[in-house]
């Protein structure tokens, strides 16, 4: 195994730096972030009053609907020109379908790009 550090000579001082950055390994897969998933990203969030109203309406619907999990109430919502991207976790396929249906019924929504993941385990 090669030595994991390299020495650099900088202005007469020696600096020891890692040869390669350490990677953290997760024990369980994480849901995709907007940056990893297809479609809209947070940087694409529209600033028109219509797009802001759509996000607010979807969030209000999700947070006021009895029976939705905390995860479903907190999915990430990005809207641009009426096109909505949903990212995050939900309890099961039924909850995923409910969240998508509520989003599609929201006035002003033209399309829904859904990348919701079903949470594994309890």
Protein backbone atom coordinates (compact mmCIF):
# COMPACT_ATOMS: atom_id res chain seq x y z
CA UNK A 1 0.00 0.00 0.00
CA UNK A 2 1.48 3.37 -0.97
CA UNK A 3 2.09 6.01 1.64
CA UNK A 4 -1.19 7.99 1.88
CA UNK A 5 0.49 11.41 2.28
CA UNK A 6 2.65 13.58 0.11
CA UNK A 7 5.10 16.20 1.29
CA UNK A 8 5.16 19.62 -0.33
CA UNK A 9 7.93 22.17 0.04
CA UNK A 10 6.32 25.59 0.30
CA UNK A 11 8.48 28.63 1.05
CA UNK A 12 10.98 26.58 2.99
CA UNK A 13 8.32 24.84 5.08
CA UNK A 14 7.19 21.27 4.60
CA UNK A 15 3.47 20.64 4.41
CA UNK A 16 1.98 17.16 4.66
CA UNK A 17 -1.25 16.74 2.71
CA UNK A 18 -3.39 13.68 1.95
CA UNK A 19 -2.62 12.09 -1.41
CA UNK A 20 -6.31 11.62 -2.17
CA UNK A 21 -9.42 13.02 -0.53
CA UNK A 22 -11.17 10.65 1.86
CA UNK A 23 -14.64 9.50 0.83
CA UNK A 24 -17.36 8.97 3.38
CA UNK A 25 -19.29 5.77 2.84
CA UNK A 26 -22.97 5.68 3.71
CA UNK A 27 -24.50 2.56 5.16
CA UNK A 28 -27.75 3.08 3.23
CA UNK A 29 -28.45 4.73 -0.11
CA UNK A 30 -29.55 8.33 0.08
CA UNK A 31 -32.32 9.81 -2.06
CA UNK A 32 -31.12 11.76 -5.05
CA UNK A 33 -30.67 15.46 -4.55
CA UNK A 34 -31.86 17.90 -7.15
CA UNK A 35 -28.30 18.08 -8.40
CA UNK A 36 -28.25 14.31 -8.97
CA UNK A 37 -31.74 13.90 -10.33
CA UNK A 38 -33.13 14.78 -13.72
CA UNK A 39 -35.23 17.82 -14.42
CA UNK A 40 -35.40 21.06 -12.48
CA UNK A 41 -32.87 22.00 -9.82
CA UNK A 42 -33.22 24.59 -7.05
CA UNK A 43 -31.32 27.01 -9.28
CA UNK A 44 -34.16 26.65 -11.80
CA UNK A 45 -36.85 27.84 -9.36
CA UNK A 46 -39.01 30.36 -11.14
CA UNK A 47 -39.51 33.74 -9.54
CA UNK A 48 -42.75 34.68 -11.24
CA UNK A 49 -45.77 35.17 -9.02
CA UNK A 50 -47.37 32.16 -10.72
CA UNK A 51 -44.47 29.81 -9.90
CA UNK A 52 -44.27 31.06 -6.31
CA UNK A 53 -48.04 30.62 -5.93
CA UNK A 54 -47.83 27.05 -7.29
CA UNK A 55 -45.11 26.07 -4.77
CA UNK A 56 -47.08 27.67 -1.92
CA UNK A 57 -50.28 25.92 -2.96
CA UNK A 58 -48.62 22.50 -3.22
CA UNK A 59 -46.88 22.97 0.16
CA UNK A 60 -50.16 24.08 1.79
CA UNK A 61 -51.94 21.03 0.38
CA UNK A 62 -49.24 18.62 1.53
CA UNK A 63 -48.96 20.05 5.03
CA UNK A 64 -52.71 20.17 5.59
CA UNK A 65 -53.54 16.68 4.31
CA UNK A 66 -54.16 14.22 7.16
CA UNK A 67 -52.35 10.91 6.98
CA UNK A 68 -49.27 12.00 5.04
CA UNK A 69 -45.91 11.17 6.59
CA UNK A 70 -43.52 13.88 7.73
CA UNK A 71 -41.31 12.96 4.76
CA UNK A 72 -44.16 13.46 2.28
CA UNK A 73 -45.08 16.80 3.83
CA UNK A 74 -41.48 17.94 3.34
CA UNK A 75 -40.71 16.85 -0.22
CA UNK A 76 -38.64 19.33 -2.21
CA UNK A 77 -40.72 21.32 -4.71
CA UNK A 78 -39.24 23.35 -7.55
CA UNK A 79 -41.42 25.06 -10.15
CA UNK A 80 -40.53 26.88 -13.35
CA UNK A 81 -43.13 28.01 -15.87
CA UNK A 82 -45.68 25.65 -14.34
CA UNK A 83 -43.40 22.60 -14.57
CA UNK A 84 -42.94 21.04 -11.14
CA UNK A 85 -40.13 18.80 -9.87
CA UNK A 86 -40.70 16.72 -6.72
CA UNK A 87 -37.78 15.13 -4.87
CA UNK A 88 -37.51 13.39 -1.51
CA UNK A 89 -38.83 10.40 0.36
CA UNK A 90 -42.31 9.05 0.95
CA UNK A 91 -43.61 6.19 3.09
CA UNK A 92 -44.87 3.90 0.29
CA UNK A 93 -46.12 3.76 -3.30
CA UNK A 94 -49.60 4.79 -2.24
CA UNK A 95 -48.28 7.93 -0.60
CA UNK A 96 -46.16 8.66 -3.66
CA UNK A 97 -49.27 8.47 -5.85
CA UNK A 98 -51.18 10.78 -3.48
CA UNK A 99 -48.43 13.41 -3.51
CA UNK A 100 -48.18 13.34 -7.31
CA UNK A 101 -51.98 13.48 -7.73
CA UNK A 102 -52.27 16.46 -5.35
CA UNK A 103 -49.51 18.22 -7.29
CA UNK A 104 -51.13 17.53 -10.66
CA UNK A 105 -54.46 18.94 -9.41
CA UNK A 106 -52.86 22.21 -8.34
CA UNK A 107 -53.99 25.11 -10.55
CA UNK A 108 -51.25 26.27 -12.92
CA UNK A 109 -49.29 22.99 -12.95
CA UNK A 110 -48.45 21.92 -16.51
CA UNK A 111 -46.27 18.87 -15.78
CA UNK A 112 -44.79 16.95 -12.85
CA UNK A 113 -41.27 15.48 -12.83
CA UNK A 114 -41.45 13.06 -9.92
CA UNK A 115 -38.38 11.42 -8.40
CA UNK A 116 -39.82 10.46 -5.01
CA UNK A 117 -38.24 7.47 -3.31
CA UNK A 118 -40.07 5.02 -1.11
CA UNK A 119 -38.46 4.97 2.32
CA UNK A 120 -37.11 1.55 3.23
CA UNK A 121 -37.85 0.02 6.61
CA UNK A 122 -39.93 1.40 9.48
